[in-house]
Amino acid sequence: QVQLVESGGGLVQTGGSLRLSCAASGRSVSTSYMAWFRQAPGKEREFVAGLTWGAGFTSYADSVKGRFAISRDNTKNTVNLQMNSLKPEDTAVYYCAATLGRPTPVGDLRAYDNWGQGTQVTVSS
């Protein structure tokens, strides 16, 4: 098991930036695939970005390509999501997730067996 704790959410105006962090502990994360999902009110949880911890390969949802960047800090065992040019439609609870190996497709919720508690991101217009 991997324990995940998110931080960094908050309220920001349209066009602003936020940086989310996910601290991972427990099972060695070096063999994990780490991802960020989000869930807006009344909507299904959706994939935002993912990263293969060992190799650092990344994937992004089309809606955030060019605006969001996922990265890892090996020294701190954290996965970060830098969010720029935020839009009101980015408003959601953001969740960190982990699983062993890269799932196919990476956006399949059922493939992830470890989840954080979520952090709220609100973008005002």
Protein backbone atom coordinates (compact mmCIF):
# COMPACT_ATOMS: atom_id res chain seq x y z
CA GLN A 1 0.00 0.00 0.00
CA VAL A 2 0.95 3.59 -0.61
CA GLN A 3 -0.32 6.39 1.59
CA LEU A 4 -1.00 9.61 -0.29
CA VAL A 5 -1.55 13.08 1.14
CA GLU A 6 -2.38 16.01 -1.13
CA SER A 7 -1.78 19.68 -0.43
CA GLY A 8 -1.73 22.99 -2.24
CA GLY A 9 -5.34 23.53 -3.27
CA GLY A 10 -7.11 26.82 -2.89
CA LEU A 11 -8.93 29.69 -4.58
CA VAL A 12 -7.42 31.45 -7.58
CA GLN A 13 -8.65 33.79 -10.28
CA THR A 14 -8.95 32.85 -13.94
CA GLY A 15 -5.51 32.83 -15.53
CA GLY A 16 -3.75 32.19 -12.24
CA SER A 17 -1.57 29.32 -11.11
CA LEU A 18 -1.54 26.73 -8.36
CA ARG A 19 0.85 23.94 -7.46
CA LEU A 20 -0.47 20.73 -5.93
CA SER A 21 1.73 18.27 -4.10
CA CYS A 22 1.17 14.63 -3.21
CA ALA A 23 3.36 13.10 -0.52
CA ALA A 24 3.75 9.35 -0.92
CA SER A 25 4.82 6.89 1.76
CA GLY A 26 4.68 3.15 2.35
CA ARG A 27 5.40 0.77 -0.50
CA SER A 28 8.35 1.78 -2.63
CA VAL A 29 7.10 4.37 -5.08
CA SER A 30 9.85 3.64 -7.59
CA THR A 31 7.69 0.99 -9.26
CA SER A 32 4.49 3.02 -9.10
CA TYR A 33 2.50 4.92 -11.64
CA MET A 34 1.30 8.16 -10.10
CA ALA A 35 -1.62 10.19 -11.36
CA TRP A 36 -3.82 13.16 -10.65
CA PHE A 37 -7.57 12.93 -11.14
CA ARG A 38 -10.27 15.50 -10.54
CA GLN A 39 -13.96 15.49 -9.83
CA ALA A 40 -16.24 18.47 -10.31
CA PRO A 41 -19.68 18.64 -8.67
CA GLY A 42 -22.14 16.41 -10.48
CA LYS A 43 -19.49 14.96 -12.75
CA GLU A 44 -17.48 11.76 -12.88
CA ARG A 45 -13.92 11.62 -11.69
CA GLU A 46 -11.57 12.16 -14.62
CA PHE A 47 -7.90 11.65 -15.38
CA VAL A 48 -5.78 14.80 -15.46
CA ALA A 49 -2.13 13.73 -15.64
CA GLY A 50 0.07 10.75 -14.90
CA LEU A 51 3.71 9.87 -14.48
CA THR A 52 5.80 6.72 -14.44
CA TRP A 53 7.86 7.24 -11.30
CA GLY A 54 10.96 5.40 -12.44
CA ALA A 55 11.30 6.63 -16.03
CA GLY A 56 9.41 9.89 -15.64
CA PHE A 57 7.19 9.36 -18.69
CA THR A 58 4.11 11.60 -18.55
CA SER A 59 0.57 11.62 -19.89
CA TYR A 60 -2.02 14.39 -19.93
CA ALA A 61 -5.69 14.82 -20.60
CA ASP A 62 -6.30 16.92 -23.71
CA SER A 63 -8.09 19.54 -21.62
CA VAL A 64 -4.92 20.39 -19.65
CA LYS A 65 -2.12 19.85 -22.19
CA GLY A 66 0.13 22.86 -22.38
CA ARG A 67 -1.21 24.29 -19.11
CA PHE A 68 -0.48 21.62 -16.48
CA ALA A 69 2.77 19.83 -15.74
CA ILE A 70 3.28 16.76 -13.58
CA SER A 71 6.65 16.09 -11.99
CA ARG A 72 8.26 14.11 -9.19
CA ASP A 73 10.76 14.88 -6.49
CA ASN A 74 12.68 11.73 -5.65
CA THR A 75 14.27 13.21 -2.55
CA LYS A 76 10.93 14.09 -0.99
CA ASN A 77 8.81 11.28 -2.48
CA THR A 78 6.33 13.80 -3.80
CA VAL A 79 4.45 14.16 -7.06
CA ASN A 80 3.58 17.69 -8.06
CA LEU A 81 1.04 19.17 -10.42
CA GLN A 82 1.83 22.68 -11.62
CA MET A 83 -1.34 24.25 -12.95
CA ASN A 84 -1.08 27.41 -15.05
CA SER A 85 -3.60 29.46 -17.01
CA LEU A 86 -6.37 28.12 -14.83
CA LYS A 87 -9.97 28.28 -16.03
CA PRO A 88 -13.27 28.10 -14.14
CA GLU A 89 -13.81 24.65 -15.66
CA ASP A 90 -10.72 23.44 -13.78
CA THR A 91 -12.65 23.84 -10.54
CA ALA A 92 -12.83 20.44 -8.85
CA VAL A 93 -11.52 18.29 -6.04
CA TYR A 94 -8.15 17.00 -7.15
CA TYR A 95 -7.03 13.52 -6.09
CA CYS A 96 -3.65 11.86 -6.15
CA ALA A 97 -3.64 8.16 -7.05
CA ALA A 98 -1.09 5.39 -7.33
CA THR A 99 -0.83 1.88 -8.70
CA LEU A 100 1.87 -0.64 -9.51
CA GLY A 101 2.98 -0.36 -13.10
CA ARG A 102 1.53 1.82 -15.82
CA PRO A 103 -2.15 0.97 -16.37
CA THR A 104 -3.75 0.78 -19.81
CA PRO A 105 -5.49 3.10 -20.28
CA VAL A 106 -3.94 5.41 -17.71
CA GLY A 107 -7.31 7.02 -17.11
CA ASP A 108 -8.99 3.83 -15.86
CA LEU A 109 -10.05 4.60 -12.28
CA ARG A 110 -10.36 0.91 -11.47
CA ALA A 111 -6.63 0.39 -12.00
CA TYR A 112 -5.63 2.59 -9.07
CA ASP A 113 -5.60 1.02 -5.64
CA ASN A 114 -4.34 3.94 -3.59
CA TRP A 115 -6.01 7.34 -3.34
CA GLY A 116 -5.47 10.51 -1.37
CA GLN A 117 -8.21 12.41 0.42
CA GLY A 118 -8.42 15.14 -2.20
CA THR A 119 -7.79 18.88 -2.24
CA GLN A 120 -10.21 21.55 -3.48
CA VAL A 121 -9.23 23.81 -6.35
CA THR A 122 -11.58 26.69 -7.12
CA VAL A 123 -11.05 29.03 -10.06
CA SER A 124 -13.14 32.19 -9.99
CA SER A 125 -14.19 33.98 -13.16
